[in-house]
Amino acid sequence: MAWYGWLLLLAVLAVPAIICGFLYSDKSGATHCIGCGECVRTGECVLLKNQKKSLDKKPQDSL
């Protein structure tokens, strides 16, 4: 395989990685909805449930 074949292979693998990185780079740390339907049933997202619990456990600074 010539060097341009390797370059093409790299481009084919890099483009989806860049697109996924852009789509799922939410700064809050949670991914987008995965469509499990839990939000409709219980009113609480399963992806954000554990994140909220860990945020609640952090000690608050009191002045």
N, C-alpha and C. Protein backbone atom coordinates (compact mmCIF):
# COMPACT_ATOMS: atom_id res chain seq x y z
N MET A 1 0.86 -1.17 0.00
CA MET A 1 0.00 0.00 0.00
C MET A 1 0.92 1.24 0.00
N ALA A 2 0.65 2.12 -0.90
CA ALA A 2 1.46 3.33 -1.01
C ALA A 2 1.10 4.31 0.10
N TRP A 3 1.88 5.37 0.21
CA TRP A 3 1.67 6.35 1.28
C TRP A 3 0.31 7.02 1.19
N TYR A 4 -0.21 7.20 -0.02
CA TYR A 4 -1.53 7.82 -0.16
C TYR A 4 -2.65 6.89 0.29
N GLY A 5 -2.42 5.61 0.22
CA GLY A 5 -3.39 4.65 0.76
C GLY A 5 -3.48 4.74 2.28
N TRP A 6 -2.32 4.88 2.92
CA TRP A 6 -2.30 5.05 4.37
C TRP A 6 -2.94 6.38 4.76
N LEU A 7 -2.71 7.41 3.97
CA LEU A 7 -3.31 8.73 4.23
C LEU A 7 -4.82 8.67 4.09
N LEU A 8 -5.30 7.96 3.09
CA LEU A 8 -6.74 7.79 2.91
C LEU A 8 -7.36 7.01 4.08
N LEU A 9 -6.68 5.96 4.52
CA LEU A 9 -7.16 5.18 5.66
C LEU A 9 -7.22 6.03 6.92
N LEU A 10 -6.21 6.84 7.14
CA LEU A 10 -6.19 7.73 8.29
C LEU A 10 -7.35 8.72 8.22
N ALA A 11 -7.62 9.27 7.05
CA ALA A 11 -8.72 10.22 6.89
C ALA A 11 -10.06 9.56 7.14
N VAL A 12 -10.22 8.32 6.65
CA VAL A 12 -11.48 7.59 6.84
C VAL A 12 -11.72 7.31 8.32
N LEU A 13 -10.68 7.06 9.07
CA LEU A 13 -10.83 6.80 10.51
C LEU A 13 -10.93 8.09 11.32
N ALA A 14 -10.28 9.14 10.88
CA ALA A 14 -10.24 10.38 11.65
C ALA A 14 -11.53 11.19 11.54
N VAL A 15 -12.15 11.18 10.39
CA VAL A 15 -13.36 11.99 10.20
C VAL A 15 -14.49 11.56 11.15
N PRO A 16 -14.84 10.29 11.27
CA PRO A 16 -15.88 9.92 12.23
C PRO A 16 -15.48 10.21 13.69
N ALA A 17 -14.20 10.08 14.00
CA ALA A 17 -13.75 10.38 15.36
C ALA A 17 -13.93 11.86 15.67
N ILE A 18 -13.62 12.71 14.73
CA ILE A 18 -13.79 14.16 14.93
C ILE A 18 -15.26 14.51 15.04
N ILE A 19 -16.10 13.91 14.21
CA ILE A 19 -17.54 14.19 14.27
C ILE A 19 -18.12 13.74 15.60
N CYS A 20 -17.78 12.54 16.06
CA CYS A 20 -18.28 12.06 17.35
C CYS A 20 -17.75 12.91 18.50
N GLY A 21 -16.52 13.32 18.42
CA GLY A 21 -15.96 14.19 19.45
C GLY A 21 -16.69 15.52 19.51
N PHE A 22 -17.05 16.05 18.37
CA PHE A 22 -17.79 17.31 18.33
C PHE A 22 -19.20 17.14 18.86
N LEU A 23 -19.87 16.04 18.50
CA LEU A 23 -21.25 15.84 18.92
C LEU A 23 -21.38 15.53 20.41
N TYR A 24 -20.42 14.78 20.96
CA TYR A 24 -20.52 14.34 22.34
C TYR A 24 -19.58 15.05 23.29
N SER A 25 -19.16 16.26 22.95
CA SER A 25 -18.26 17.00 23.83
C SER A 25 -19.03 17.99 24.69
N ASP A 26 -20.10 17.53 25.31
CA ASP A 26 -20.89 18.38 26.19
C ASP A 26 -20.05 18.72 27.42
N LYS A 27 -19.98 19.99 27.77
CA LYS A 27 -19.12 20.44 28.87
C LYS A 27 -19.62 19.97 30.24
N SER A 28 -20.89 19.60 30.35
CA SER A 28 -21.42 19.16 31.63
C SER A 28 -21.01 17.73 31.96
N GLY A 29 -20.48 17.02 31.00
CA GLY A 29 -20.03 15.67 31.25
C GLY A 29 -21.02 14.59 30.88
N ALA A 30 -22.26 14.94 30.64
CA ALA A 30 -23.26 13.95 30.27
C ALA A 30 -23.37 13.88 28.76
N THR A 31 -23.65 12.68 28.26
CA THR A 31 -23.84 12.54 26.82
C THR A 31 -25.26 12.93 26.46
N HIS A 32 -25.53 12.97 25.19
CA HIS A 32 -26.87 13.28 24.73
C HIS A 32 -27.81 12.12 25.02
N CYS A 33 -29.09 12.37 24.85
CA CYS A 33 -30.11 11.35 25.13
C CYS A 33 -29.86 10.10 24.29
N ILE A 34 -29.99 8.94 24.93
CA ILE A 34 -29.79 7.68 24.22
C ILE A 34 -31.12 7.04 23.84
N GLY A 35 -32.23 7.68 24.18
CA GLY A 35 -33.54 7.21 23.75
C GLY A 35 -34.06 6.01 24.52
N CYS A 36 -33.72 5.89 25.80
CA CYS A 36 -34.17 4.73 26.57
C CYS A 36 -35.62 4.87 27.05
N GLY A 37 -36.14 6.10 27.09
CA GLY A 37 -37.52 6.33 27.51
C GLY A 37 -37.70 6.51 29.01
N GLU A 38 -36.63 6.47 29.77
CA GLU A 38 -36.70 6.61 31.23
C GLU A 38 -37.17 8.01 31.62
N CYS A 39 -36.83 9.02 30.84
CA CYS A 39 -37.26 10.39 31.13
C CYS A 39 -38.78 10.51 31.08
N VAL A 40 -39.39 9.82 30.15
CA VAL A 40 -40.84 9.88 30.00
C VAL A 40 -41.51 9.12 31.14
N ARG A 41 -40.97 7.95 31.50
CA ARG A 41 -41.58 7.12 32.54
C ARG A 41 -41.44 7.72 33.93
N THR A 42 -40.22 8.09 34.31
CA THR A 42 -39.98 8.54 35.68
C THR A 42 -39.76 10.03 35.80
N GLY A 43 -39.53 10.70 34.70
CA GLY A 43 -39.27 12.13 34.74
C GLY A 43 -37.83 12.47 35.08
N GLU A 44 -36.96 11.47 35.12
CA GLU A 44 -35.55 11.70 35.45
C GLU A 44 -34.66 10.93 34.48
N CYS A 45 -33.69 11.62 33.94
CA CYS A 45 -32.77 11.01 32.97
C CYS A 45 -31.78 10.11 33.70
N VAL A 46 -31.56 8.90 33.17
CA VAL A 46 -30.62 7.97 33.80
C VAL A 46 -29.18 8.43 33.63
N LEU A 47 -28.91 9.21 32.61
CA LEU A 47 -27.55 9.69 32.39
C LEU A 47 -27.19 10.81 33.36
N LEU A 48 -28.17 11.59 33.79
CA LEU A 48 -27.90 12.71 34.68
C LEU A 48 -28.14 12.36 36.15
N LYS A 49 -28.77 11.23 36.43
CA LYS A 49 -29.12 10.86 37.80
C LYS A 49 -27.87 10.73 38.68
N ASN A 50 -26.87 9.99 38.23
CA ASN A 50 -25.66 9.80 39.01
C ASN A 50 -24.85 11.08 39.12
N GLN A 51 -24.90 11.91 38.10
CA GLN A 51 -24.17 13.17 38.13
C GLN A 51 -24.78 14.11 39.19
N LYS A 52 -26.09 14.14 39.29
CA LYS A 52 -26.74 14.99 40.29
C LYS A 52 -26.42 14.50 41.71
N LYS A 53 -26.37 13.18 41.91
CA LYS A 53 -26.05 12.64 43.23
C LYS A 53 -24.63 13.03 43.64
N SER A 54 -23.70 12.96 42.71
CA SER A 54 -22.32 13.29 43.06
C SER A 54 -22.16 14.78 43.31
N LEU A 55 -22.94 15.61 42.62
CA LEU A 55 -22.87 17.05 42.87
C LEU A 55 -23.48 17.40 44.22
N ASP A 56 -24.51 16.67 44.64
CA ASP A 56 -25.15 16.93 45.93
C ASP A 56 -24.24 16.55 47.09
N LYS A 57 -23.36 15.57 46.90
CA LYS A 57 -22.49 15.11 47.98
C LYS A 57 -21.30 16.01 48.24
N LYS A 58 -20.99 16.93 47.30
CA LYS A 58 -19.84 17.82 47.50
C LYS A 58 -20.12 18.78 48.64
N PRO A 59 -19.14 18.99 49.51
CA PRO A 59 -19.37 19.92 50.61
C PRO A 59 -19.46 21.35 50.10
N GLN A 60 -20.36 22.11 50.72
CA GLN A 60 -20.55 23.49 50.33
C GLN A 60 -19.69 24.39 51.21
N ASP A 61 -19.09 25.38 50.61
CA ASP A 61 -18.30 26.35 51.36
C ASP A 61 -19.24 27.36 52.01
N SER A 62 -19.14 27.51 53.29
CA SER A 62 -19.98 28.49 53.98
C SER A 62 -19.11 29.66 54.38
N LEU A 63 -19.68 30.85 54.24
CA LEU A 63 -18.94 32.06 54.58
C LEU A 63 -19.27 32.54 55.95
